[in-house]
Amino acid sequence: PRSPRSPSNGSSRKLSVDEMYLSDTGGQYLDGTTDITRTVHWGVPPPLQKGPAPSEAYTRVLMGNIDLSRLVFPPNTAGGTVESFARRALWDVGLNYGHGTGHGIGNFLSVHEWPVGFQSNNVPLAAGMFTSIEPGYYRDGEFGIRIEDVALVVEAQTK
């Protein structure tokens, strides 16, 4: 039997320039594992999806990804402690998402590698760990936005 996510003539439809598309993809290679999500719109997105303020959902999801990926934090900080930095730009305008902000990335293991991540029961983040950072925003039956990248935890050079 076909997976519910497999395309078929009965479930496939033509793409339109009037819609937003979310592509969640990745792969396992000899030199690493990828887990990337991008959201694109080939036409002119309506204000809630793009702008102007206070909506600008796409921009705020991107801001959350950047804010968490650039965050400097002390050693032995738990992912759950810093997770809200990915949500702050959305929270500023009353938006949120209902999924986890990220997970560990395995190499020739599971793409979702335990125990690294941003949940309250994950281990503290440490130099050398790979994690996804993937904030999003969704409107049921209308559109979804997620921007996911893989990040490497590195020791920061502070003043």
N, C-alpha and C. Protein backbone atom coordinates (compact mmCIF):
# COMPACT_ATOMS: atom_id res chain seq x y z
N PRO A 1 0.83 -1.21 0.00
CA PRO A 1 0.00 0.00 0.00
C PRO A 1 0.86 1.26 0.00
N ARG A 2 0.32 2.29 -0.60
CA ARG A 2 1.01 3.59 -0.66
C ARG A 2 0.98 4.28 0.69
N SER A 3 2.06 4.99 0.97
CA SER A 3 2.10 5.85 2.15
C SER A 3 1.11 6.99 1.94
N PRO A 4 0.49 7.52 3.01
CA PRO A 4 -0.41 8.66 2.84
C PRO A 4 0.31 9.89 2.26
N ARG A 5 1.63 9.92 2.32
CA ARG A 5 2.38 11.06 1.80
C ARG A 5 2.87 10.82 0.37
N SER A 6 2.59 9.64 -0.19
CA SER A 6 3.01 9.35 -1.56
C SER A 6 2.04 9.99 -2.54
N PRO A 7 2.54 10.55 -3.64
CA PRO A 7 1.64 11.16 -4.62
C PRO A 7 0.87 10.09 -5.37
N SER A 8 -0.31 10.45 -5.79
CA SER A 8 -1.12 9.57 -6.62
C SER A 8 -2.01 10.43 -7.50
N ASN A 9 -2.55 9.85 -8.57
CA ASN A 9 -3.44 10.61 -9.45
C ASN A 9 -4.66 11.10 -8.70
N GLY A 10 -5.11 10.36 -7.71
CA GLY A 10 -6.29 10.75 -6.96
C GLY A 10 -6.07 11.89 -5.98
N SER A 11 -4.83 12.03 -5.48
CA SER A 11 -4.58 13.07 -4.48
C SER A 11 -3.73 14.22 -5.01
N SER A 12 -3.14 14.07 -6.18
CA SER A 12 -2.28 15.12 -6.73
C SER A 12 -3.12 16.24 -7.32
N ARG A 13 -2.55 17.44 -7.35
CA ARG A 13 -3.22 18.57 -7.99
C ARG A 13 -2.16 19.49 -8.56
N LYS A 14 -2.58 20.39 -9.44
CA LYS A 14 -1.65 21.32 -10.05
C LYS A 14 -1.22 22.37 -9.04
N LEU A 15 0.05 22.77 -9.13
CA LEU A 15 0.56 23.84 -8.29
C LEU A 15 0.06 25.18 -8.83
N SER A 16 -0.05 26.15 -7.93
CA SER A 16 -0.56 27.46 -8.31
C SER A 16 0.38 28.54 -7.79
N VAL A 17 0.48 29.65 -8.50
CA VAL A 17 1.28 30.77 -8.03
C VAL A 17 0.58 31.53 -6.91
N ASP A 18 -0.65 31.15 -6.59
CA ASP A 18 -1.43 31.83 -5.56
C ASP A 18 -1.34 31.16 -4.20
N GLU A 19 -0.46 30.18 -4.04
CA GLU A 19 -0.36 29.44 -2.79
C GLU A 19 1.06 29.43 -2.26
N MET A 20 1.16 29.18 -0.96
CA MET A 20 2.43 29.00 -0.30
C MET A 20 2.74 27.51 -0.28
N TYR A 21 4.01 27.13 -0.48
CA TYR A 21 4.41 25.74 -0.47
C TYR A 21 5.50 25.52 0.55
N LEU A 22 5.35 24.44 1.32
CA LEU A 22 6.31 24.08 2.34
C LEU A 22 6.98 22.78 1.90
N SER A 23 8.29 22.78 1.79
CA SER A 23 9.04 21.60 1.38
C SER A 23 9.97 21.19 2.51
N ASP A 24 9.68 20.03 3.12
CA ASP A 24 10.49 19.49 4.22
C ASP A 24 11.28 18.33 3.64
N THR A 25 12.60 18.48 3.58
CA THR A 25 13.42 17.50 2.90
C THR A 25 14.74 17.28 3.63
N GLY A 26 15.48 16.32 3.20
CA GLY A 26 16.78 16.05 3.79
C GLY A 26 17.31 14.73 3.29
N GLY A 27 18.49 14.38 3.74
CA GLY A 27 19.10 13.12 3.33
C GLY A 27 20.28 12.78 4.19
N GLN A 28 20.70 11.52 4.08
CA GLN A 28 21.88 11.08 4.81
C GLN A 28 22.97 10.79 3.80
N TYR A 29 24.13 11.44 4.00
CA TYR A 29 25.25 11.35 3.10
C TYR A 29 26.49 10.89 3.86
N LEU A 30 27.53 10.50 3.15
CA LEU A 30 28.75 10.02 3.81
C LEU A 30 29.34 11.06 4.76
N ASP A 31 29.19 12.35 4.43
CA ASP A 31 29.79 13.39 5.27
C ASP A 31 28.77 14.15 6.11
N GLY A 32 27.57 13.66 6.25
CA GLY A 32 26.62 14.33 7.15
C GLY A 32 25.17 14.09 6.78
N THR A 33 24.31 14.54 7.65
CA THR A 33 22.87 14.40 7.49
C THR A 33 22.25 15.78 7.37
N THR A 34 21.29 15.94 6.48
CA THR A 34 20.61 17.22 6.33
C THR A 34 19.14 17.07 6.69
N ASP A 35 18.55 18.13 7.18
CA ASP A 35 17.12 18.19 7.48
C ASP A 35 16.74 19.65 7.30
N ILE A 36 16.16 19.97 6.18
CA ILE A 36 15.94 21.35 5.78
C ILE A 36 14.48 21.54 5.40
N THR A 37 13.88 22.63 5.83
CA THR A 37 12.53 22.98 5.39
C THR A 37 12.56 24.40 4.86
N ARG A 38 11.93 24.59 3.72
CA ARG A 38 11.81 25.91 3.12
C ARG A 38 10.36 26.15 2.75
N THR A 39 9.93 27.38 2.84
CA THR A 39 8.59 27.78 2.45
C THR A 39 8.73 28.81 1.34
N VAL A 40 8.03 28.60 0.24
CA VAL A 40 8.12 29.49 -0.91
C VAL A 40 6.72 29.89 -1.38
N HIS A 41 6.67 31.02 -2.04
CA HIS A 41 5.44 31.49 -2.70
C HIS A 41 5.89 32.10 -4.01
N TRP A 42 5.35 31.60 -5.14
CA TRP A 42 5.80 32.07 -6.44
C TRP A 42 4.98 33.24 -6.97
N GLY A 43 3.98 33.64 -6.24
CA GLY A 43 3.16 34.77 -6.65
C GLY A 43 3.31 35.91 -5.64
N VAL A 44 2.21 36.57 -5.35
CA VAL A 44 2.19 37.66 -4.39
C VAL A 44 1.41 37.18 -3.16
N PRO A 45 2.11 36.91 -2.05
CA PRO A 45 1.41 36.40 -0.87
C PRO A 45 0.52 37.47 -0.24
N PRO A 46 -0.61 37.04 0.35
CA PRO A 46 -1.46 38.00 1.04
C PRO A 46 -0.78 38.55 2.29
N PRO A 47 -1.26 39.65 2.84
CA PRO A 47 -0.61 40.32 3.97
C PRO A 47 -0.32 39.42 5.18
N LEU A 48 -1.24 38.53 5.55
CA LEU A 48 -0.99 37.69 6.73
C LEU A 48 0.23 36.81 6.52
N GLN A 49 0.43 36.33 5.31
CA GLN A 49 1.56 35.45 5.05
C GLN A 49 2.88 36.20 5.01
N LYS A 50 2.85 37.44 4.54
CA LYS A 50 4.11 38.16 4.31
C LYS A 50 4.23 39.44 5.12
N GLY A 51 3.31 40.36 5.01
CA GLY A 51 3.41 41.67 5.65
C GLY A 51 2.14 42.43 5.37
N PRO A 52 1.90 43.59 5.73
CA PRO A 52 2.74 44.43 6.60
C PRO A 52 2.53 44.11 8.08
N ALA A 53 3.26 44.81 8.94
CA ALA A 53 3.14 44.61 10.39
C ALA A 53 1.70 44.86 10.80
N PRO A 54 1.18 44.18 11.80
CA PRO A 54 1.91 43.30 12.70
C PRO A 54 1.94 41.85 12.25
N SER A 55 1.35 41.49 11.12
CA SER A 55 1.26 40.08 10.73
C SER A 55 2.62 39.52 10.32
N GLU A 56 3.00 39.76 9.10
CA GLU A 56 4.27 39.32 8.53
C GLU A 56 4.77 37.99 9.10
N ALA A 57 3.94 36.97 9.00
CA ALA A 57 4.25 35.68 9.60
C ALA A 57 5.56 35.10 9.08
N TYR A 58 5.79 35.14 7.77
CA TYR A 58 7.02 34.57 7.21
C TYR A 58 8.25 35.27 7.81
N THR A 59 8.21 36.59 7.81
CA THR A 59 9.35 37.35 8.33
C THR A 59 9.59 37.02 9.80
N ARG A 60 8.53 36.87 10.58
CA ARG A 60 8.69 36.58 12.00
C ARG A 60 9.20 35.16 12.25
N VAL A 61 8.82 34.21 11.40
CA VAL A 61 9.38 32.86 11.50
C VAL A 61 10.88 32.91 11.18
N LEU A 62 11.25 33.64 10.14
CA LEU A 62 12.66 33.79 9.79
C LEU A 62 13.43 34.47 10.93
N MET A 63 12.84 35.50 11.53
CA MET A 63 13.50 36.18 12.65
C MET A 63 13.76 35.20 13.80
N GLY A 64 12.80 34.32 14.07
CA GLY A 64 12.97 33.33 15.14
C GLY A 64 14.10 32.37 14.83
N ASN A 65 14.21 31.94 13.59
CA ASN A 65 15.30 31.06 13.19
C ASN A 65 16.64 31.75 13.38
N ILE A 66 16.74 32.99 12.94
CA ILE A 66 17.98 33.75 13.06
C ILE A 66 18.31 34.04 14.53
N ASP A 67 17.31 34.46 15.30
CA ASP A 67 17.54 34.80 16.72
C ASP A 67 18.11 33.61 17.49
N LEU A 68 17.54 32.42 17.28
CA LEU A 68 18.05 31.26 18.02
C LEU A 68 19.40 30.81 17.48
N SER A 69 19.61 30.88 16.17
CA SER A 69 20.88 30.42 15.61
C SER A 69 22.05 31.33 15.99
N ARG A 70 21.78 32.60 16.30
CA ARG A 70 22.85 33.54 16.67
C ARG A 70 23.00 33.71 18.18
N LEU A 71 22.16 33.04 18.95
CA LEU A 71 22.13 33.22 20.40
C LEU A 71 23.43 32.76 21.06
N VAL A 72 23.95 33.60 21.94
CA VAL A 72 25.10 33.24 22.77
C VAL A 72 24.55 32.93 24.16
N PHE A 73 24.94 31.77 24.69
CA PHE A 73 24.44 31.34 26.00
C PHE A 73 25.56 30.65 26.77
N PRO A 74 25.44 30.58 28.10
CA PRO A 74 26.50 29.96 28.90
C PRO A 74 26.58 28.45 28.70
N PRO A 75 27.74 27.86 28.99
CA PRO A 75 27.87 26.39 28.92
C PRO A 75 26.83 25.72 29.82
N ASN A 76 26.47 24.50 29.45
CA ASN A 76 25.51 23.68 30.21
C ASN A 76 24.10 24.27 30.23
N THR A 77 23.76 25.07 29.24
CA THR A 77 22.40 25.61 29.14
C THR A 77 21.52 24.59 28.43
N ALA A 78 20.37 24.33 29.01
CA ALA A 78 19.43 23.38 28.41
C ALA A 78 18.73 24.02 27.23
N GLY A 79 18.43 23.23 26.21
CA GLY A 79 17.72 23.73 25.03
C GLY A 79 16.36 24.33 25.39
N GLY A 80 15.68 23.74 26.37
CA GLY A 80 14.39 24.25 26.80
C GLY A 80 14.47 25.66 27.37
N THR A 81 15.64 26.02 27.88
CA THR A 81 15.84 27.35 28.45
C THR A 81 15.90 28.42 27.37
N VAL A 82 16.44 28.09 26.20
CA VAL A 82 16.63 29.09 25.14
C VAL A 82 15.59 28.99 24.02
N GLU A 83 14.72 28.00 24.09
CA GLU A 83 13.75 27.73 23.03
C GLU A 83 12.87 28.93 22.72
N SER A 84 12.52 29.72 23.72
CA SER A 84 11.61 30.85 23.51
C SER A 84 12.20 31.93 22.60
N PHE A 85 13.52 31.96 22.41
CA PHE A 85 14.11 32.94 21.50
C PHE A 85 13.64 32.71 20.06
N ALA A 86 13.31 31.47 19.70
CA ALA A 86 12.79 31.19 18.37
C ALA A 86 11.34 31.63 18.23
N ARG A 87 10.64 31.80 19.34
CA ARG A 87 9.21 32.15 19.32
C ARG A 87 8.96 33.64 19.55
N ARG A 88 9.94 34.36 20.07
CA ARG A 88 9.73 35.74 20.52
C ARG A 88 9.12 36.65 19.46
N ALA A 89 9.66 36.63 18.25
CA ALA A 89 9.14 37.53 17.20
C ALA A 89 7.68 37.22 16.88
N LEU A 90 7.29 35.96 16.92
CA LEU A 90 5.89 35.59 16.72
C LEU A 90 5.05 36.02 17.93
N TRP A 91 5.55 35.76 19.13
CA TRP A 91 4.81 36.13 20.34
C TRP A 91 4.54 37.64 20.39
N ASP A 92 5.48 38.44 19.87
CA ASP A 92 5.32 39.90 19.89
C ASP A 92 4.02 40.36 19.24
N VAL A 93 3.49 39.56 18.30
CA VAL A 93 2.25 39.94 17.61
C VAL A 93 1.13 38.91 17.86
N GLY A 94 1.28 38.12 18.92
CA GLY A 94 0.22 37.19 19.31
C GLY A 94 0.16 35.90 18.51
N LEU A 95 1.23 35.54 17.80
CA LEU A 95 1.27 34.29 17.03
C LEU A 95 2.14 33.27 17.74
N ASN A 96 1.99 31.99 17.38
CA ASN A 96 2.76 30.91 17.99
C ASN A 96 2.70 29.70 17.08
N TYR A 97 3.42 28.65 17.41
CA TYR A 97 3.33 27.38 16.69
C TYR A 97 3.25 26.25 17.70
N GLY A 98 2.65 25.13 17.27
CA GLY A 98 2.37 24.04 18.19
C GLY A 98 3.26 22.83 18.03
N HIS A 99 4.48 23.02 17.59
CA HIS A 99 5.41 21.90 17.46
C HIS A 99 6.73 22.26 18.13
N GLY A 100 7.60 21.27 18.26
CA GLY A 100 8.91 21.52 18.85
C GLY A 100 9.75 22.42 17.98
N THR A 101 10.69 23.12 18.60
CA THR A 101 11.53 24.08 17.90
C THR A 101 12.73 23.41 17.23
N GLY A 102 13.09 22.23 17.64
CA GLY A 102 14.22 21.57 17.02
C GLY A 102 14.57 20.27 17.71
N HIS A 103 15.48 19.53 17.08
CA HIS A 103 15.89 18.21 17.57
C HIS A 103 17.32 17.95 17.16
N GLY A 104 17.95 17.01 17.81
CA GLY A 104 19.29 16.61 17.44
C GLY A 104 19.30 16.01 16.05
N ILE A 105 20.44 16.11 15.38
CA ILE A 105 20.61 15.55 14.04
C ILE A 105 21.67 14.45 14.11
N GLY A 106 21.28 13.24 13.77
CA GLY A 106 22.23 12.12 13.80
C GLY A 106 23.00 12.01 12.49
N ASN A 107 24.12 11.33 12.53
CA ASN A 107 24.90 11.04 11.34
C ASN A 107 24.88 9.53 11.16
N PHE A 108 24.20 9.06 10.12
CA PHE A 108 23.95 7.64 9.90
C PHE A 108 23.16 7.02 11.05
N LEU A 109 22.37 7.84 11.70
CA LEU A 109 21.46 7.40 12.75
C LEU A 109 20.09 7.91 12.36
N SER A 110 19.28 8.17 13.33
CA SER A 110 17.98 8.78 13.07
C SER A 110 18.20 10.27 12.79
N VAL A 111 17.45 10.83 11.84
CA VAL A 111 17.54 12.27 11.60
C VAL A 111 17.13 13.01 12.88
N HIS A 112 16.14 12.49 13.59
CA HIS A 112 15.71 13.07 14.87
C HIS A 112 16.45 12.32 15.97
N GLU A 113 17.59 12.86 16.38
CA GLU A 113 18.44 12.15 17.34
C GLU A 113 18.21 12.64 18.77
N TRP A 114 17.84 11.74 19.61
CA TRP A 114 17.68 11.98 21.04
C TRP A 114 19.06 11.93 21.67
N PRO A 115 19.39 12.66 22.70
CA PRO A 115 18.58 13.52 23.55
C PRO A 115 18.81 15.02 23.33
N VAL A 116 19.36 15.40 22.16
CA VAL A 116 19.63 16.81 21.88
C VAL A 116 18.35 17.48 21.39
N GLY A 117 18.13 18.72 21.80
CA GLY A 117 16.98 19.46 21.31
C GLY A 117 16.57 20.57 22.25
N PHE A 118 15.34 21.04 22.09
CA PHE A 118 14.86 22.20 22.83
C PHE A 118 13.69 21.89 23.76
N GLN A 119 13.45 20.61 24.04
CA GLN A 119 12.42 20.21 24.98
C GLN A 119 12.98 20.29 26.40
N SER A 120 12.09 20.31 27.37
CA SER A 120 12.52 20.43 28.77
C SER A 120 13.30 19.20 29.23
N ASN A 121 13.12 18.04 28.59
CA ASN A 121 13.82 16.83 29.02
C ASN A 121 15.05 16.51 28.18
N ASN A 122 15.52 17.44 27.37
CA ASN A 122 16.74 17.23 26.59
C ASN A 122 17.98 17.57 27.41
N VAL A 123 19.13 17.04 26.99
CA VAL A 123 20.39 17.31 27.68
C VAL A 123 20.83 18.74 27.39
N PRO A 124 21.69 19.31 28.24
CA PRO A 124 22.21 20.66 27.96
C PRO A 124 22.96 20.69 26.63
N LEU A 125 22.86 21.83 25.96
CA LEU A 125 23.56 22.01 24.69
C LEU A 125 25.06 22.13 24.94
N ALA A 126 25.85 21.51 24.08
CA ALA A 126 27.30 21.54 24.25
C ALA A 126 27.96 21.65 22.87
N ALA A 127 29.17 22.23 22.86
CA ALA A 127 29.92 22.38 21.61
C ALA A 127 30.03 21.04 20.91
N GLY A 128 29.82 21.05 19.60
CA GLY A 128 29.92 19.84 18.79
C GLY A 128 28.58 19.18 18.50
N MET A 129 27.52 19.60 19.18
CA MET A 129 26.20 19.03 18.92
C MET A 129 25.58 19.69 17.70
N PHE A 130 24.86 18.90 16.91
CA PHE A 130 24.07 19.42 15.79
C PHE A 130 22.61 19.36 16.18
N THR A 131 21.89 20.43 15.90
CA THR A 131 20.46 20.47 16.18
C THR A 131 19.75 21.20 15.05
N SER A 132 18.51 20.84 14.85
CA SER A 132 17.72 21.62 13.90
C SER A 132 17.16 22.83 14.64
N ILE A 133 16.90 23.87 13.90
CA ILE A 133 16.18 25.04 14.41
C ILE A 133 15.05 25.25 13.42
N GLU A 134 13.80 25.10 13.88
CA GLU A 134 12.69 25.08 12.92
C GLU A 134 11.40 25.72 13.43
N PRO A 135 11.42 27.02 13.66
CA PRO A 135 10.17 27.69 14.02
C PRO A 135 9.20 27.68 12.84
N GLY A 136 7.94 27.93 13.11
CA GLY A 136 6.94 27.94 12.05
C GLY A 136 5.70 28.70 12.45
N TYR A 137 4.75 28.74 11.55
CA TYR A 137 3.43 29.30 11.84
C TYR A 137 2.44 28.65 10.88
N TYR A 138 1.28 28.27 11.37
CA TYR A 138 0.31 27.53 10.58
C TYR A 138 -1.09 28.08 10.79
N ARG A 139 -1.85 28.12 9.69
CA ARG A 139 -3.28 28.43 9.72
C ARG A 139 -3.98 27.22 9.11
N ASP A 140 -4.69 26.45 9.93
CA ASP A 140 -5.35 25.23 9.46
C ASP A 140 -6.18 25.49 8.21
N GLY A 141 -5.95 24.66 7.19
CA GLY A 141 -6.70 24.76 5.95
C GLY A 141 -6.31 25.92 5.06
N GLU A 142 -5.34 26.75 5.49
CA GLU A 142 -4.95 27.91 4.69
C GLU A 142 -3.49 27.86 4.23
N PHE A 143 -2.55 27.81 5.16
CA PHE A 143 -1.14 27.79 4.79
C PHE A 143 -0.28 27.38 5.98
N GLY A 144 0.96 27.03 5.70
CA GLY A 144 1.94 26.72 6.73
C GLY A 144 3.27 27.30 6.36
N ILE A 145 4.00 27.76 7.37
CA ILE A 145 5.33 28.33 7.17
C ILE A 145 6.27 27.63 8.14
N ARG A 146 7.38 27.14 7.64
CA ARG A 146 8.44 26.62 8.51
C ARG A 146 9.76 26.90 7.82
N ILE A 147 10.73 27.33 8.59
CA ILE A 147 12.08 27.53 8.07
C ILE A 147 13.00 26.75 8.98
N GLU A 148 13.56 25.66 8.45
CA GLU A 148 14.39 24.76 9.25
C GLU A 148 15.80 24.70 8.68
N ASP A 149 16.76 24.82 9.57
CA ASP A 149 18.16 24.66 9.24
C ASP A 149 18.81 23.76 10.27
N VAL A 150 19.96 23.21 9.93
CA VAL A 150 20.76 22.46 10.89
C VAL A 150 21.84 23.40 11.42
N ALA A 151 21.98 23.44 12.75
CA ALA A 151 22.95 24.33 13.38
C ALA A 151 23.94 23.51 14.20
N LEU A 152 25.16 23.99 14.24
CA LEU A 152 26.22 23.39 15.06
C LEU A 152 26.42 24.26 16.30
N VAL A 153 26.39 23.64 17.47
CA VAL A 153 26.67 24.39 18.70
C VAL A 153 28.18 24.57 18.78
N VAL A 154 28.61 25.82 18.90
CA VAL A 154 30.05 26.13 19.01
C VAL A 154 30.29 26.96 20.27
N GLU A 155 31.53 26.91 20.72
CA GLU A 155 31.90 27.72 21.88
C GLU A 155 32.03 29.18 21.41
N ALA A 156 31.33 30.07 22.06
CA ALA A 156 31.35 31.49 21.68
C ALA A 156 32.58 32.19 22.25
N GLN A 157 33.10 33.10 21.49
CA GLN A 157 34.19 33.95 21.96
C GLN A 157 33.56 35.26 22.45
N THR A 158 33.43 35.41 23.77
CA THR A 158 32.79 36.59 24.35
C THR A 158 33.84 37.54 24.88
N LYS A 159 33.38 38.78 25.16
CA LYS A 159 34.29 39.80 25.68
C LYS A 159 34.68 39.50 27.11
